[in-house]
Amino acid sequence: MRVWWRPAKKEEQEVYITAEEQERMWHVYMDVRKSQVEWERAHMMFQEATGQDQIDYAIYMLEAAERKYQMNLKQAKQLNLNSVFMQKLEQQRGNG
């Protein structure tokens, strides 16, 4: 599976964030994951399309899914989400 966020650097110190910031980051993370799945489905639909109408529709869906995925990735980048932090947050949510 592709990792879309940047890995944490060893020299970075832990950053403390509020519960509200954690919740926002979690929602952005989940939006990225959902849009990634939508993009993958649209890509499969395009690969399996037959006939001009299906191809046109698949292209439309693929372009829309790509744009949504890009917007969510941009939002994640603005929040500096990374895999290490999100894994920690996911573990906290699983234990809490």
N, C-alpha and C. Protein backbone atom coordinates (compact mmCIF):
# COMPACT_ATOMS: atom_id res chain seq x y z
N MET A 1 0.84 -1.18 0.00
CA MET A 1 0.00 0.00 0.00
C MET A 1 0.88 1.23 0.00
N ARG A 2 0.45 2.25 -0.72
CA ARG A 2 1.20 3.49 -0.79
C ARG A 2 1.02 4.31 0.47
N VAL A 3 2.08 4.96 0.90
CA VAL A 3 2.03 5.86 2.04
C VAL A 3 2.05 7.27 1.50
N TRP A 4 1.05 8.04 1.80
CA TRP A 4 0.91 9.37 1.21
C TRP A 4 1.47 10.47 2.09
N TRP A 5 1.71 10.20 3.34
CA TRP A 5 2.19 11.24 4.22
C TRP A 5 3.69 11.10 4.39
N ARG A 6 4.32 12.17 4.82
CA ARG A 6 5.77 12.14 4.96
C ARG A 6 6.16 11.40 6.23
N PRO A 7 7.23 10.64 6.18
CA PRO A 7 7.69 9.98 7.40
C PRO A 7 8.28 11.00 8.37
N ALA A 8 8.18 10.71 9.62
CA ALA A 8 8.73 11.61 10.63
C ALA A 8 10.25 11.52 10.61
N LYS A 9 10.88 12.65 10.82
CA LYS A 9 12.34 12.68 10.88
C LYS A 9 12.77 12.41 12.31
N LYS A 10 13.91 11.78 12.46
CA LYS A 10 14.40 11.40 13.78
C LYS A 10 14.66 12.62 14.66
N GLU A 11 15.11 13.71 14.06
CA GLU A 11 15.45 14.88 14.87
C GLU A 11 14.22 15.70 15.29
N GLU A 12 13.04 15.36 14.77
CA GLU A 12 11.84 16.11 15.15
C GLU A 12 11.45 15.77 16.58
N GLN A 13 11.04 16.77 17.31
CA GLN A 13 10.57 16.54 18.67
C GLN A 13 9.07 16.31 18.63
N GLU A 14 8.58 15.66 19.68
CA GLU A 14 7.14 15.45 19.77
C GLU A 14 6.44 16.78 19.94
N VAL A 15 5.33 16.90 19.25
CA VAL A 15 4.54 18.13 19.32
C VAL A 15 3.25 17.79 20.05
N TYR A 16 2.90 18.61 21.00
CA TYR A 16 1.66 18.41 21.75
C TYR A 16 0.55 19.21 21.11
N ILE A 17 -0.57 18.55 20.90
CA ILE A 17 -1.70 19.22 20.27
C ILE A 17 -2.95 19.01 21.12
N THR A 18 -3.92 19.88 20.91
CA THR A 18 -5.15 19.80 21.69
C THR A 18 -6.03 18.66 21.18
N ALA A 19 -7.02 18.33 21.96
CA ALA A 19 -7.98 17.29 21.56
C ALA A 19 -8.73 17.71 20.30
N GLU A 20 -9.04 19.00 20.20
CA GLU A 20 -9.74 19.50 19.00
C GLU A 20 -8.87 19.36 17.76
N GLU A 21 -7.58 19.64 17.92
CA GLU A 21 -6.66 19.50 16.79
C GLU A 21 -6.52 18.03 16.40
N GLN A 22 -6.45 17.16 17.40
CA GLN A 22 -6.38 15.73 17.11
C GLN A 22 -7.62 15.27 16.35
N GLU A 23 -8.77 15.74 16.78
CA GLU A 23 -10.02 15.35 16.11
C GLU A 23 -10.04 15.84 14.67
N ARG A 24 -9.61 17.06 14.44
CA ARG A 24 -9.55 17.60 13.08
C ARG A 24 -8.59 16.78 12.22
N MET A 25 -7.43 16.47 12.79
CA MET A 25 -6.45 15.68 12.05
C MET A 25 -7.00 14.29 11.73
N TRP A 26 -7.71 13.72 12.67
CA TRP A 26 -8.31 12.41 12.44
C TRP A 26 -9.32 12.46 11.30
N HIS A 27 -10.16 13.49 11.28
CA HIS A 27 -11.15 13.62 10.21
C HIS A 27 -10.47 13.81 8.86
N VAL A 28 -9.42 14.61 8.82
CA VAL A 28 -8.70 14.81 7.57
C VAL A 28 -8.06 13.49 7.12
N TYR A 29 -7.46 12.78 8.06
CA TYR A 29 -6.86 11.47 7.75
C TYR A 29 -7.91 10.52 7.17
N MET A 30 -9.06 10.46 7.81
CA MET A 30 -10.11 9.57 7.32
C MET A 30 -10.63 10.02 5.95
N ASP A 31 -10.72 11.32 5.73
CA ASP A 31 -11.13 11.83 4.42
C ASP A 31 -10.14 11.41 3.34
N VAL A 32 -8.85 11.45 3.65
CA VAL A 32 -7.84 11.01 2.69
C VAL A 32 -8.00 9.54 2.40
N ARG A 33 -8.16 8.74 3.43
CA ARG A 33 -8.32 7.29 3.24
C ARG A 33 -9.56 6.97 2.40
N LYS A 34 -10.67 7.65 2.71
CA LYS A 34 -11.91 7.41 1.94
C LYS A 34 -11.75 7.83 0.49
N SER A 35 -11.14 8.98 0.27
CA SER A 35 -10.98 9.45 -1.10
C SER A 35 -9.99 8.57 -1.87
N GLN A 36 -9.03 8.00 -1.17
CA GLN A 36 -8.11 7.07 -1.83
C GLN A 36 -8.86 5.82 -2.30
N VAL A 37 -9.74 5.31 -1.46
CA VAL A 37 -10.54 4.14 -1.83
C VAL A 37 -11.46 4.48 -3.01
N GLU A 38 -12.08 5.66 -2.98
CA GLU A 38 -12.94 6.09 -4.09
C GLU A 38 -12.15 6.17 -5.39
N TRP A 39 -10.92 6.72 -5.30
CA TRP A 39 -10.09 6.83 -6.49
C TRP A 39 -9.74 5.44 -7.02
N GLU A 40 -9.41 4.52 -6.13
CA GLU A 40 -9.08 3.15 -6.56
C GLU A 40 -10.27 2.48 -7.23
N ARG A 41 -11.46 2.69 -6.68
CA ARG A 41 -12.69 2.12 -7.29
C ARG A 41 -12.93 2.73 -8.66
N ALA A 42 -12.78 4.04 -8.77
CA ALA A 42 -12.98 4.72 -10.05
C ALA A 42 -11.98 4.22 -11.07
N HIS A 43 -10.75 3.99 -10.64
CA HIS A 43 -9.72 3.48 -11.54
C HIS A 43 -10.09 2.08 -12.04
N MET A 44 -10.59 1.23 -11.14
CA MET A 44 -11.03 -0.11 -11.55
C MET A 44 -12.22 -0.03 -12.51
N MET A 45 -13.15 0.90 -12.23
CA MET A 45 -14.30 1.07 -13.10
C MET A 45 -13.85 1.46 -14.51
N PHE A 46 -12.87 2.35 -14.57
CA PHE A 46 -12.34 2.77 -15.86
C PHE A 46 -11.69 1.59 -16.58
N GLN A 47 -10.93 0.79 -15.86
CA GLN A 47 -10.25 -0.36 -16.46
C GLN A 47 -11.24 -1.39 -17.01
N GLU A 48 -12.41 -1.49 -16.39
CA GLU A 48 -13.40 -2.50 -16.78
C GLU A 48 -14.49 -1.95 -17.69
N ALA A 49 -14.44 -0.67 -18.01
CA ALA A 49 -15.49 -0.05 -18.82
C ALA A 49 -15.47 -0.59 -20.25
N THR A 50 -16.68 -0.83 -20.75
CA THR A 50 -16.84 -1.23 -22.15
C THR A 50 -17.92 -0.37 -22.75
N GLY A 51 -17.77 0.01 -23.96
CA GLY A 51 -18.76 0.87 -24.60
C GLY A 51 -18.49 2.33 -24.28
N GLN A 52 -18.83 3.17 -25.20
CA GLN A 52 -18.51 4.60 -25.09
C GLN A 52 -19.17 5.26 -23.87
N ASP A 53 -20.42 4.93 -23.58
CA ASP A 53 -21.09 5.54 -22.43
C ASP A 53 -20.42 5.17 -21.11
N GLN A 54 -20.08 3.91 -20.95
CA GLN A 54 -19.40 3.47 -19.73
C GLN A 54 -18.02 4.11 -19.60
N ILE A 55 -17.32 4.22 -20.71
CA ILE A 55 -15.99 4.84 -20.70
C ILE A 55 -16.10 6.30 -20.32
N ASP A 56 -17.05 7.01 -20.92
CA ASP A 56 -17.23 8.44 -20.61
C ASP A 56 -17.57 8.63 -19.13
N TYR A 57 -18.47 7.80 -18.62
CA TYR A 57 -18.86 7.90 -17.21
C TYR A 57 -17.67 7.57 -16.30
N ALA A 58 -16.92 6.53 -16.66
CA ALA A 58 -15.76 6.14 -15.86
C ALA A 58 -14.71 7.25 -15.83
N ILE A 59 -14.50 7.91 -16.95
CA ILE A 59 -13.56 9.03 -17.00
C ILE A 59 -14.03 10.15 -16.09
N TYR A 60 -15.31 10.46 -16.16
CA TYR A 60 -15.89 11.50 -15.30
C TYR A 60 -15.68 11.16 -13.82
N MET A 61 -15.98 9.93 -13.45
CA MET A 61 -15.84 9.50 -12.06
C MET A 61 -14.37 9.50 -11.63
N LEU A 62 -13.49 9.06 -12.52
CA LEU A 62 -12.06 9.02 -12.20
C LEU A 62 -11.51 10.43 -11.99
N GLU A 63 -11.87 11.35 -12.86
CA GLU A 63 -11.40 12.73 -12.72
C GLU A 63 -11.91 13.36 -11.43
N ALA A 64 -13.18 13.11 -11.10
CA ALA A 64 -13.74 13.66 -9.87
C ALA A 64 -13.06 13.06 -8.64
N ALA A 65 -12.82 11.75 -8.66
CA ALA A 65 -12.17 11.09 -7.54
C ALA A 65 -10.73 11.57 -7.38
N GLU A 66 -10.04 11.79 -8.49
CA GLU A 66 -8.67 12.30 -8.43
C GLU A 66 -8.62 13.69 -7.81
N ARG A 67 -9.54 14.54 -8.22
CA ARG A 67 -9.58 15.91 -7.66
C ARG A 67 -9.88 15.88 -6.16
N LYS A 68 -10.82 15.05 -5.77
CA LYS A 68 -11.17 14.95 -4.35
C LYS A 68 -9.98 14.43 -3.55
N TYR A 69 -9.30 13.43 -4.06
CA TYR A 69 -8.13 12.87 -3.40
C TYR A 69 -7.03 13.93 -3.28
N GLN A 70 -6.79 14.68 -4.34
CA GLN A 70 -5.78 15.74 -4.32
C GLN A 70 -6.12 16.82 -3.30
N MET A 71 -7.38 17.20 -3.22
CA MET A 71 -7.79 18.22 -2.25
C MET A 71 -7.56 17.73 -0.83
N ASN A 72 -7.91 16.47 -0.57
CA ASN A 72 -7.71 15.91 0.78
C ASN A 72 -6.23 15.77 1.11
N LEU A 73 -5.41 15.38 0.14
CA LEU A 73 -3.98 15.30 0.36
C LEU A 73 -3.39 16.68 0.67
N LYS A 74 -3.87 17.68 -0.03
CA LYS A 74 -3.40 19.04 0.21
C LYS A 74 -3.74 19.48 1.63
N GLN A 75 -4.95 19.16 2.06
CA GLN A 75 -5.37 19.50 3.42
C GLN A 75 -4.51 18.76 4.46
N ALA A 76 -4.21 17.50 4.20
CA ALA A 76 -3.37 16.72 5.10
C ALA A 76 -1.96 17.31 5.16
N LYS A 77 -1.46 17.72 4.02
CA LYS A 77 -0.13 18.33 3.97
C LYS A 77 -0.09 19.63 4.77
N GLN A 78 -1.15 20.43 4.68
CA GLN A 78 -1.23 21.68 5.43
C GLN A 78 -1.20 21.43 6.94
N LEU A 79 -1.74 20.30 7.37
CA LEU A 79 -1.74 19.95 8.79
C LEU A 79 -0.48 19.18 9.19
N ASN A 80 0.41 18.95 8.22
CA ASN A 80 1.65 18.21 8.47
C ASN A 80 1.40 16.81 9.03
N LEU A 81 0.40 16.15 8.53
CA LEU A 81 0.13 14.78 8.98
C LEU A 81 1.26 13.87 8.53
N ASN A 82 1.61 12.92 9.37
CA ASN A 82 2.61 11.93 8.98
C ASN A 82 2.19 10.57 9.51
N SER A 83 2.81 9.55 8.96
CA SER A 83 2.41 8.18 9.28
C SER A 83 2.62 7.84 10.74
N VAL A 84 3.72 8.27 11.33
CA VAL A 84 4.01 7.95 12.73
C VAL A 84 2.94 8.53 13.64
N PHE A 85 2.64 9.81 13.44
CA PHE A 85 1.63 10.45 14.28
C PHE A 85 0.28 9.78 14.12
N MET A 86 -0.12 9.49 12.89
CA MET A 86 -1.44 8.90 12.66
C MET A 86 -1.52 7.49 13.23
N GLN A 87 -0.43 6.75 13.19
CA GLN A 87 -0.43 5.41 13.80
C GLN A 87 -0.59 5.51 15.31
N LYS A 88 0.09 6.48 15.92
CA LYS A 88 -0.06 6.69 17.37
C LYS A 88 -1.49 7.07 17.70
N LEU A 89 -2.05 7.97 16.92
CA LEU A 89 -3.42 8.42 17.15
C LEU A 89 -4.40 7.26 16.98
N GLU A 90 -4.16 6.43 15.98
CA GLU A 90 -5.03 5.27 15.75
C GLU A 90 -4.95 4.30 16.93
N GLN A 91 -3.75 4.10 17.46
CA GLN A 91 -3.58 3.22 18.63
C GLN A 91 -4.31 3.80 19.85
N GLN A 92 -4.20 5.11 20.04
CA GLN A 92 -4.89 5.75 21.17
C GLN A 92 -6.40 5.57 21.03
N ARG A 93 -6.89 5.72 19.82
CA ARG A 93 -8.34 5.58 19.59
C ARG A 93 -8.78 4.15 19.80
N GLY A 94 -7.91 3.18 19.45
CA GLY A 94 -8.24 1.78 19.64
C GLY A 94 -8.23 1.36 21.10
N ASN A 95 -7.38 2.01 21.90
CA ASN A 95 -7.29 1.68 23.31
C ASN A 95 -8.23 2.50 24.19
N GLY A 96 -8.80 3.55 23.62
CA GLY A 96 -9.59 4.44 24.45
C GLY A 96 -11.00 4.40 24.24
